[in-house]
Structure formats: C-alpha cells, structure tokens
Amino acid sequence: MADSIENKLGELKEVAEKMFGVIPTGTYVERRGCGLNPKDCGFREMGT
C-alpha cells in the first residue's frame, strides 16, 4: 500500500509542477517569494 501512496504523491507533484511551475515541498513559497498565495506567482514563473 505504501507504493500506491508514493505513486499518488508523485502524480500530485507532477500536476502541481505543470500548474504552478513549482514543487510543493513546503519550501517553494519562500523560494518563489509568493507569500500565502503561490498561485499568483506560479503562472508568472511558468516555463522558466
């Protein structure tokens, strides 16, 4: 069962990367300087 959870997390990370251009690790907010709404900068950062 642990494997399926790992796979789900991997899929979620891929989706988040495509949507926001960031990896949701808990540190991306500081890295991107997005404050409390990472969506605002996610699209600006996309493709860089």
PDB file of N, CA and C in Angstrom:
ATOM      1  N   MET A   1       0.825  -1.205   0.000  1.00  0.00           N
ATOM      2  CA  MET A   1       0.000   0.000   0.000  1.00  0.00           C
ATOM      3  C   MET A   1       0.866   1.264   0.000  1.00  0.00           C
ATOM      4  N   ALA A   2       2.020   1.182   0.620  1.00  0.00           N
ATOM      5  CA  ALA A   2       2.914   2.349   0.644  1.00  0.00           C
ATOM      6  C   ALA A   2       3.277   2.767  -0.778  1.00  0.00           C
ATOM      7  N   ASP A   3       3.444   1.768  -1.667  1.00  0.00           N
ATOM      8  CA  ASP A   3       3.808   2.084  -3.042  1.00  0.00           C
ATOM      9  C   ASP A   3       2.748   2.934  -3.720  1.00  0.00           C
ATOM     10  N   SER A   4       1.470   2.587  -3.522  1.00  0.00           N
ATOM     11  CA  SER A   4       0.415   3.338  -4.186  1.00  0.00           C
ATOM     12  C   SER A   4       0.350   4.764  -3.650  1.00  0.00           C
ATOM     13  N   ILE A   5       0.647   4.954  -2.368  1.00  0.00           N
ATOM     14  CA  ILE A   5       0.669   6.300  -1.791  1.00  0.00           C
ATOM     15  C   ILE A   5       1.812   7.099  -2.417  1.00  0.00           C
ATOM     16  N   GLU A   6       2.981   6.467  -2.528  1.00  0.00           N
ATOM     17  CA  GLU A   6       4.122   7.133  -3.154  1.00  0.00           C
ATOM     18  C   GLU A   6       3.792   7.546  -4.586  1.00  0.00           C
ATOM     19  N   ASN A   7       3.144   6.645  -5.328  1.00  0.00           N
ATOM     20  CA  ASN A   7       2.776   6.947  -6.703  1.00  0.00           C
ATOM     21  C   ASN A   7       1.822   8.130  -6.768  1.00  0.00           C
ATOM     22  N   LYS A   8       0.846   8.161  -5.857  1.00  0.00           N
ATOM     23  CA  LYS A   8      -0.105   9.270  -5.824  1.00  0.00           C
ATOM     24  C   LYS A   8       0.614  10.585  -5.567  1.00  0.00           C
ATOM     25  N   LEU A   9       1.543  10.575  -4.615  1.00  0.00           N
ATOM     26  CA  LEU A   9       2.296  11.789  -4.304  1.00  0.00           C
ATOM     27  C   LEU A   9       3.097  12.242  -5.521  1.00  0.00           C
ATOM     28  N   GLY A  10       3.688  11.286  -6.224  1.00  0.00           N
ATOM     29  CA  GLY A  10       4.440  11.621  -7.427  1.00  0.00           C
ATOM     30  C   GLY A  10       3.544  12.270  -8.469  1.00  0.00           C
ATOM     31  N   GLU A  11       2.343  11.710  -8.648  1.00  0.00           N
ATOM     32  CA  GLU A  11       1.400  12.276  -9.616  1.00  0.00           C
ATOM     33  C   GLU A  11       0.998  13.686  -9.213  1.00  0.00           C
ATOM     34  N   LEU A  12       0.718  13.882  -7.925  1.00  0.00           N
ATOM     35  CA  LEU A  12       0.316  15.201  -7.443  1.00  0.00           C
ATOM     36  C   LEU A  12       1.430  16.219  -7.664  1.00  0.00           C
ATOM     37  N   LYS A  13       2.666  15.807  -7.428  1.00  0.00           N
ATOM     38  CA  LYS A  13       3.794  16.710  -7.658  1.00  0.00           C
ATOM     39  C   LYS A  13       3.882  17.101  -9.121  1.00  0.00           C
ATOM     40  N   GLU A  14       3.714  16.126 -10.012  1.00  0.00           N
ATOM     41  CA  GLU A  14       3.769  16.426 -11.446  1.00  0.00           C
ATOM     42  C   GLU A  14       2.681  17.408 -11.841  1.00  0.00           C
ATOM     43  N   VAL A  15       1.467  17.182 -11.344  1.00  0.00           N
ATOM     44  CA  VAL A  15       0.354  18.083 -11.651  1.00  0.00           C
ATOM     45  C   VAL A  15       0.654  19.482 -11.131  1.00  0.00           C
ATOM     46  N   ALA A  16       1.150  19.559  -9.906  1.00  0.00           N
ATOM     47  CA  ALA A  16       1.460  20.862  -9.321  1.00  0.00           C
ATOM     48  C   ALA A  16       2.550  21.573 -10.114  1.00  0.00           C
ATOM     49  N   GLU A  17       3.556  20.815 -10.571  1.00  0.00           N
ATOM     50  CA  GLU A  17       4.620  21.419 -11.365  1.00  0.00           C
ATOM     51  C   GLU A  17       4.063  21.993 -12.654  1.00  0.00           C
ATOM     52  N   LYS A  18       3.154  21.263 -13.305  1.00  0.00           N
ATOM     53  CA  LYS A  18       2.567  21.736 -14.556  1.00  0.00           C
ATOM     54  C   LYS A  18       1.701  22.974 -14.317  1.00  0.00           C
ATOM     55  N   MET A  19       0.943  22.965 -13.211  1.00  0.00           N
ATOM     56  CA  MET A  19       0.032  24.075 -12.938  1.00  0.00           C
ATOM     57  C   MET A  19       0.775  25.314 -12.443  1.00  0.00           C
ATOM     58  N   PHE A  20       1.711  25.115 -11.506  1.00  0.00           N
ATOM     59  CA  PHE A  20       2.338  26.250 -10.834  1.00  0.00           C
ATOM     60  C   PHE A  20       3.806  26.439 -11.188  1.00  0.00           C
ATOM     61  N   GLY A  21       4.402  25.426 -11.803  1.00  0.00           N
ATOM     62  CA  GLY A  21       5.830  25.508 -12.084  1.00  0.00           C
ATOM     63  C   GLY A  21       6.667  25.399 -10.821  1.00  0.00           C
ATOM     64  N   VAL A  22       6.112  24.797  -9.774  1.00  0.00           N
ATOM     65  CA  VAL A  22       6.854  24.624  -8.534  1.00  0.00           C
ATOM     66  C   VAL A  22       6.627  23.224  -7.997  1.00  0.00           C
ATOM     67  N   ILE A  23       7.520  22.793  -7.121  1.00  0.00           N
ATOM     68  CA  ILE A  23       7.342  21.507  -6.448  1.00  0.00           C
ATOM     69  C   ILE A  23       6.815  21.793  -5.049  1.00  0.00           C
ATOM     70  N   PRO A  24       5.648  21.240  -4.686  1.00  0.00           N
ATOM     71  CA  PRO A  24       5.041  21.538  -3.389  1.00  0.00           C
ATOM     72  C   PRO A  24       5.738  20.830  -2.235  1.00  0.00           C
ATOM     73  N   THR A  25       6.914  21.318  -1.848  1.00  0.00           N
ATOM     74  CA  THR A  25       7.672  20.660  -0.791  1.00  0.00           C
ATOM     75  C   THR A  25       7.486  21.355   0.538  1.00  0.00           C
ATOM     76  N   GLY A  26       6.870  22.528   0.553  1.00  0.00           N
ATOM     77  CA  GLY A  26       6.760  23.296   1.782  1.00  0.00           C
ATOM     78  C   GLY A  26       7.755  24.443   1.812  1.00  0.00           C
ATOM     79  N   THR A  27       8.750  24.410   0.901  1.00  0.00           N
ATOM     80  CA  THR A  27       9.752  25.481   0.859  1.00  0.00           C
ATOM     81  C   THR A  27       9.576  26.357  -0.369  1.00  0.00           C
ATOM     82  N   TYR A  28       8.692  25.950  -1.277  1.00  0.00           N
ATOM     83  CA  TYR A  28       8.578  26.677  -2.533  1.00  0.00           C
ATOM     84  C   TYR A  28       8.047  28.090  -2.338  1.00  0.00           C
ATOM     85  N   VAL A  29       7.293  28.312  -1.265  1.00  0.00           N
ATOM     86  CA  VAL A  29       6.754  29.651  -1.031  1.00  0.00           C
ATOM     87  C   VAL A  29       7.902  30.627  -0.770  1.00  0.00           C
ATOM     88  N   GLU A  30       8.840  30.228   0.084  1.00  0.00           N
ATOM     89  CA  GLU A  30       9.995  31.088   0.349  1.00  0.00           C
ATOM     90  C   GLU A  30      10.836  31.260  -0.916  1.00  0.00           C
ATOM     91  N   ARG A  31      11.068  30.141  -1.612  1.00  0.00           N
ATOM     92  CA  ARG A  31      11.902  30.186  -2.808  1.00  0.00           C
ATOM     93  C   ARG A  31      11.338  31.147  -3.837  1.00  0.00           C
ATOM     94  N   ARG A  32      10.026  31.104  -4.016  1.00  0.00           N
ATOM     95  CA  ARG A  32       9.392  31.903  -5.045  1.00  0.00           C
ATOM     96  C   ARG A  32       8.993  33.285  -4.551  1.00  0.00           C
ATOM     97  N   GLY A  33       8.991  33.476  -3.238  1.00  0.00           N
ATOM     98  CA  GLY A  33       8.594  34.757  -2.693  1.00  0.00           C
ATOM     99  C   GLY A  33       7.133  35.071  -2.959  1.00  0.00           C
ATOM    100  N   CYS A  34       6.285  34.048  -2.831  1.00  0.00           N
ATOM    101  CA  CYS A  34       4.890  34.204  -3.239  1.00  0.00           C
ATOM    102  C   CYS A  34       3.975  34.601  -2.107  1.00  0.00           C
ATOM    103  N   GLY A  35       4.485  34.672  -0.883  1.00  0.00           N
ATOM    104  CA  GLY A  35       3.590  34.950   0.231  1.00  0.00           C
ATOM    105  C   GLY A  35       2.659  33.771   0.457  1.00  0.00           C
ATOM    106  N   LEU A  36       1.407  34.050   0.756  1.00  0.00           N
ATOM    107  CA  LEU A  36       0.480  32.978   1.115  1.00  0.00           C
ATOM    108  C   LEU A  36      -0.274  32.435  -0.086  1.00  0.00           C
ATOM    109  N   ASN A  37      -0.117  33.036  -1.254  1.00  0.00           N
ATOM    110  CA  ASN A  37      -0.850  32.555  -2.427  1.00  0.00           C
ATOM    111  C   ASN A  37       0.118  32.219  -3.549  1.00  0.00           C
ATOM    112  N   PRO A  38       0.676  30.986  -3.557  1.00  0.00           N
ATOM    113  CA  PRO A  38       1.657  30.608  -4.578  1.00  0.00           C
ATOM    114  C   PRO A  38       1.095  30.645  -5.985  1.00  0.00           C
ATOM    115  N   LYS A  39      -0.227  30.591  -6.144  1.00  0.00           N
ATOM    116  CA  LYS A  39      -0.821  30.625  -7.480  1.00  0.00           C
ATOM    117  C   LYS A  39      -0.471  31.929  -8.199  1.00  0.00           C
ATOM    118  N   ASP A  40      -0.403  33.033  -7.451  1.00  0.00           N
ATOM    119  CA  ASP A  40      -0.151  34.334  -8.054  1.00  0.00           C
ATOM    120  C   ASP A  40       1.164  34.355  -8.824  1.00  0.00           C
ATOM    121  N   CYS A  41       2.198  33.697  -8.268  1.00  0.00           N
ATOM    122  CA  CYS A  41       3.483  33.738  -8.941  1.00  0.00           C
ATOM    123  C   CYS A  41       3.702  32.488  -9.774  1.00  0.00           C
ATOM    124  N   GLY A  42       2.942  31.438  -9.519  1.00  0.00           N
ATOM    125  CA  GLY A  42       3.157  30.182 -10.230  1.00  0.00           C
ATOM    126  C   GLY A  42       3.079  30.358 -11.731  1.00  0.00           C
ATOM    127  N   PHE A  43       2.077  31.085 -12.199  1.00  0.00           N
ATOM    128  CA  PHE A  43       1.903  31.234 -13.633  1.00  0.00           C
ATOM    129  C   PHE A  43       2.953  32.168 -14.229  1.00  0.00           C
ATOM    130  N   ARG A  44       3.379  33.173 -13.464  1.00  0.00           N
ATOM    131  CA  ARG A  44       4.451  34.052 -13.934  1.00  0.00           C
ATOM    132  C   ARG A  44       5.754  33.294 -14.099  1.00  0.00           C
ATOM    133  N   GLU A  45       5.999  32.349 -13.173  1.00  0.00           N
ATOM    134  CA  GLU A  45       7.262  31.613 -13.176  1.00  0.00           C
ATOM    135  C   GLU A  45       7.276  30.494 -14.213  1.00  0.00           C
ATOM    136  N   MET A  46       6.122  30.176 -14.761  1.00  0.00           N
ATOM    137  CA  MET A  46       5.988  29.005 -15.622  1.00  0.00           C
ATOM    138  C   MET A  46       6.914  29.097 -16.841  1.00  0.00           C
ATOM    139  N   GLY A  47       7.546  27.990 -17.156  1.00  0.00           N
ATOM    140  CA  GLY A  47       8.361  27.905 -18.358  1.00  0.00           C
ATOM    141  C   GLY A  47       9.759  28.463 -18.179  1.00  0.00           C
ATOM    142  N   THR A  48      10.141  28.846 -16.972  1.00  0.00           N
ATOM    143  CA  THR A  48      11.493  29.355 -16.762  1.00  0.00           C
ATOM    144  C   THR A  48      12.393  28.260 -16.250  1.00  0.00           C
TER     145      THR A  48
END
